[in-house]
Protein backbone atom coordinates (compact mmCIF):
# COMPACT_ATOMS: atom_id res chain seq x y z
CA MET A 1 -8.91 -7.79 14.37
CA LEU A 2 -10.51 -5.74 11.59
CA SER A 3 -8.07 -7.21 9.07
CA GLU A 4 -8.96 -10.75 10.14
CA TYR A 5 -12.72 -10.32 9.93
CA GLY A 6 -13.04 -7.81 7.12
CA ARG A 7 -10.56 -9.06 4.54
CA SER A 8 -12.82 -11.61 2.84
CA GLY A 9 -15.68 -9.15 2.42
CA VAL A 10 -13.43 -6.44 1.02
CA THR A 11 -11.90 -8.92 -1.42
CA LYS A 12 -15.30 -9.89 -2.81
CA VAL A 13 -16.33 -6.26 -3.29
CA ALA A 14 -13.03 -5.10 -4.78
CA HIS A 15 -12.35 -8.05 -7.08
CA PRO A 16 -14.42 -6.91 -10.11
CA PHE A 17 -12.87 -3.43 -10.04
CA ALA A 18 -9.41 -4.91 -9.49
CA THR A 19 -9.84 -7.14 -12.52
CA PHE A 20 -10.78 -4.09 -14.58
CA LEU A 21 -7.66 -2.23 -13.41
CA VAL A 22 -5.44 -5.18 -14.30
CA ARG A 23 -6.84 -5.10 -17.84
CA LEU A 24 -5.88 -1.43 -18.02
CA GLY A 25 -2.32 -2.29 -17.06
CA VAL A 26 -2.46 -0.89 -13.52
CA THR A 27 -0.09 -2.68 -11.14
CA ALA A 28 -0.45 -3.38 -7.44
CA ASN A 29 2.90 -1.75 -6.70
CA GLY A 30 1.80 1.37 -8.55
CA ILE A 31 -1.33 1.59 -6.41
CA THR A 32 0.70 0.97 -3.25
CA LEU A 33 3.18 3.77 -3.99
CA THR A 34 0.42 6.15 -5.07
CA GLY A 35 -1.39 5.51 -1.81
CA LEU A 36 1.82 6.12 0.15
CA ILE A 37 2.46 9.45 -1.57
CA LEU A 38 -1.12 10.67 -1.15
CA THR A 39 -1.35 9.54 2.47
CA SER A 40 1.97 11.12 3.40
CA ALA A 41 1.12 14.38 1.63
CA ALA A 42 -2.28 14.57 3.31
CA ALA A 43 -0.83 13.84 6.74
CA VAL A 44 1.85 16.52 6.49
CA ALA A 45 -0.34 19.15 4.79
CA LEU A 46 -3.45 18.61 6.93
CA PHE A 47 -2.54 16.98 10.23
CA GLY A 48 0.69 18.93 10.45
CA THR A 49 -1.14 22.24 10.08
CA GLY A 50 -4.01 21.42 12.44
CA HIS A 51 -6.73 20.52 9.91
CA LEU A 52 -7.55 17.37 11.82
CA VAL A 53 -11.06 16.70 10.50
CA ALA A 54 -10.06 17.17 6.87
CA GLY A 55 -6.91 15.15 7.45
CA ALA A 56 -8.81 12.23 8.97
CA ILE A 57 -11.27 12.16 6.06
CA VAL A 58 -8.67 12.47 3.30
CA ILE A 59 -6.31 9.91 4.84
CA ALA A 60 -9.21 7.49 5.34
CA LEU A 61 -10.00 7.81 1.63
CA CYS A 62 -6.33 7.32 0.73
CA THR A 63 -6.18 4.10 2.75
CA LEU A 64 -8.78 2.61 0.43
CA LEU A 65 -5.92 2.25 -2.04
CA ASP A 66 -4.21 0.01 0.49
CA LEU A 67 -7.22 -2.30 0.29
CA LEU A 68 -7.23 -2.18 -3.49
CA ASP A 69 -3.58 -3.03 -4.11
CA GLY A 70 -3.96 -6.51 -2.62
CA ALA A 71 -7.04 -7.16 -4.73
CA VAL A 72 -5.19 -6.05 -7.88
CA ALA A 73 -2.25 -8.29 -7.00
CA ARG A 74 -4.53 -11.30 -6.59
CA ALA A 75 -6.43 -10.51 -9.79
CA GLY A 76 -3.18 -10.15 -11.71
CA ASP A 77 -0.22 -12.42 -11.04
CA GLY A 78 -1.46 -13.55 -7.64
CA GLY A 79 1.06 -11.38 -5.80
CA SER A 80 4.78 -11.75 -5.31
CA PRO A 81 7.32 -11.59 -2.44
CA TYR A 82 8.61 -8.31 -3.87
CA GLY A 83 5.11 -6.84 -3.93
CA ALA A 84 4.60 -7.91 -0.33
CA LEU A 85 7.87 -6.16 0.58
CA VAL A 86 6.83 -2.93 -1.15
CA ASP A 87 3.45 -3.04 0.59
CA ALA A 88 4.92 -3.68 4.03
CA VAL A 89 7.55 -0.94 3.74
CA SER A 90 4.96 1.54 2.41
CA ASP A 91 2.63 0.78 5.33
CA ARG A 92 5.39 1.39 7.87
CA VAL A 93 6.38 4.69 6.24
CA ALA A 94 2.75 5.86 6.04
CA ASP A 95 2.13 5.01 9.70
CA GLY A 96 5.23 6.92 10.72
CA VAL A 97 4.29 9.99 8.68
CA ILE A 98 0.72 10.04 10.06
CA LEU A 99 1.82 9.81 13.68
CA GLY A 100 4.80 12.10 13.10
CA SER A 101 2.52 14.76 11.63
CA LEU A 102 0.26 14.56 14.69
CA VAL A 103 3.34 14.94 16.91
CA TRP A 104 4.36 18.00 14.89
CA TRP A 105 0.90 19.54 15.29
CA LEU A 106 0.75 18.77 19.01
CA VAL A 107 4.17 20.21 19.77
CA SER A 108 3.29 23.35 17.82
CA THR A 109 -0.12 23.93 19.43
CA GLU A 110 -0.06 22.21 22.83
CA PRO A 111 3.57 21.92 23.92
CA ASP A 112 2.54 21.28 27.53
CA ASN A 113 0.33 18.31 26.65
CA ARG A 114 2.97 15.79 27.61
CA TYR A 115 0.62 12.87 28.12
CA THR A 116 -0.67 12.89 24.54
CA LEU A 117 2.86 13.42 23.24
CA ILE A 118 4.07 10.38 25.17
CA MET A 119 1.15 8.30 23.90
CA LEU A 120 1.79 9.38 20.29
CA LEU A 121 5.46 8.46 20.60
CA ALA A 122 4.49 5.13 22.19
CA CYS A 123 2.16 4.50 19.25
CA MET A 124 4.98 5.25 16.80
CA VAL A 125 7.34 2.80 18.49
CA LEU A 126 4.89 0.02 19.30
CA SER A 127 3.19 0.05 15.90
CA GLN A 128 6.56 -0.69 14.31
CA VAL A 129 7.28 -3.42 16.86
CA VAL A 130 3.88 -5.03 16.20
CA SER A 131 4.74 -5.30 12.51
CA TYR A 132 8.31 -6.41 13.13
CA SER A 133 7.26 -9.13 15.57
CA LYS A 134 5.08 -10.71 12.89
CA ALA A 135 7.71 -10.37 10.18
CA ARG A 136 10.45 -11.83 12.38
CA ALA A 137 8.27 -14.73 13.47
CA ASP A 138 7.37 -15.49 9.85
CA ALA A 139 11.05 -15.36 8.87
CA GLY A 140 11.80 -17.89 11.60
CA GLY A 141 8.98 -20.16 10.54
CA LEU A 142 6.95 -19.50 13.69
CA SER A 143 3.17 -19.21 13.73
CA THR A 144 1.78 -16.22 15.63
CA PRO A 145 -1.72 -14.82 16.14
CA GLY A 146 -2.84 -11.59 14.47
CA GLY A 147 -3.50 -10.14 17.89
CA LEU A 148 -5.70 -7.43 19.33
CA MET A 149 -4.42 -4.36 17.47
CA GLU A 150 -3.41 -4.81 13.82
CA ARG A 151 -2.78 -1.97 11.39
CA ALA A 152 -6.39 -1.46 10.37
CA ASP A 153 -7.45 -1.20 14.01
CA ARG A 154 -4.72 1.32 14.76
CA LEU A 155 -5.59 3.47 11.76
CA VAL A 156 -9.29 3.54 12.56
CA LEU A 157 -8.69 4.60 16.15
CA ILE A 158 -6.05 7.23 15.31
CA LEU A 159 -8.10 8.78 12.50
CA LEU A 160 -11.27 8.70 14.59
CA GLY A 161 -9.48 10.28 17.54
CA ALA A 162 -7.90 12.99 15.39
CA GLY A 163 -11.19 13.76 13.64
CA LEU A 164 -13.12 14.03 16.90
CA GLU A 165 -10.33 16.15 18.38
CA GLY A 166 -10.70 18.49 15.42
CA LEU A 167 -14.44 18.69 16.12
CA GLY A 168 -13.74 19.77 19.68
CA VAL A 169 -14.53 16.53 21.51
CA PRO A 170 -12.57 16.69 24.80
CA ALA A 171 -9.65 14.26 25.18
CA ALA A 172 -10.55 12.40 21.97
CA LEU A 173 -6.95 12.10 20.80
CA GLU A 174 -5.75 11.19 24.29
CA VAL A 175 -8.25 8.32 24.49
CA ALA A 176 -7.47 7.09 20.97
CA THR A 177 -3.70 7.14 21.37
CA THR A 178 -3.92 5.46 24.76
CA ALA A 179 -6.09 2.68 23.28
CA VAL A 180 -3.66 2.20 20.39
CA ALA A 181 -0.57 2.21 22.61
CA VAL A 182 -2.01 -0.26 25.13
CA GLY A 183 -3.55 -2.42 22.42
CA SER A 184 -0.28 -2.49 20.47
CA LEU A 185 1.65 -3.54 23.56
CA ILE A 186 -0.83 -6.35 24.18
CA THR A 187 -0.49 -7.41 20.54
CA VAL A 188 3.30 -7.59 20.80
CA LEU A 189 2.98 -9.76 23.89
CA GLN A 190 0.39 -11.95 22.15
CA ARG A 191 2.68 -12.48 19.18
CA VAL A 192 5.78 -13.18 21.26
CA TRP A 193 3.84 -15.59 23.48
CA GLY A 194 2.22 -17.22 20.46
CA GLY A 195 5.61 -17.64 18.80
CA ARG A 196 6.99 -19.17 21.99
CA ALA A 197 4.09 -21.59 22.23
CA ASP A 198 4.55 -22.62 18.59
CA TYR A 199 8.30 -23.09 19.09
CA LEU A 200 7.81 -25.21 22.21
CA SER A 201 5.16 -27.35 20.54
CA ARG A 202 7.55 -28.05 17.67
CA ALA A 203 10.38 -28.74 20.09
CA ASP A 204 8.21 -31.26 21.91
CA ALA A 205 7.48 -32.87 18.56
CA GLY A 206 11.20 -32.95 17.77
CA GLY A 207 10.86 -30.63 14.78
CA ALA A 208 12.34 -27.38 16.10
CA GLU A 209 15.70 -26.03 15.09
CA THR A 210 17.91 -23.91 17.29
CA VAL A 211 17.48 -20.24 16.56
CA GLY A 212 20.33 -17.89 17.48
CA ASP A 213 19.73 -14.79 19.57
CA ARG A 214 19.46 -11.49 17.73
């Protein structure tokens, strides 16, 4: 949802700076990989050791690079399939490291908090499925909706929950992870249903091809 409504505004703000970076020879892939390294390091060093407030702030700042790489790609060569691949893989790795670091912290400090552990693990699995469902639909030529819980939405909720947890707000992480897990599940269902509707509409129009089971 945030990606759908906020992308145009971010693009307008970032474009002048992105153009400047392109003139300096900075590449979108370089920004993407730098953001991945910084985000992963911050997650392990801060979330993993219980510095939740600092971790939420630093990771939020690192994710700004994820907004900038797309702007640089558009200001440069307009983007490429390879750049999109690097960006997508980097996002999945970063998401896994962030959630994995929170799991590490939780198991170390609250081993009996099984509910939050289950929700964190559900977030790890479902966030990957949300992304895969879109990628697989696109590969099959199917149109699907963005859905309720895209990556930006998940990141905001997880970082907000972790930061508030670090400030001592009761059940902040539990609420955030539950919202992300449920929202991600709904998003998967939205995308699968949307893909089905698109497939059936094309079949009715006589334009659908048989797709093998995988």
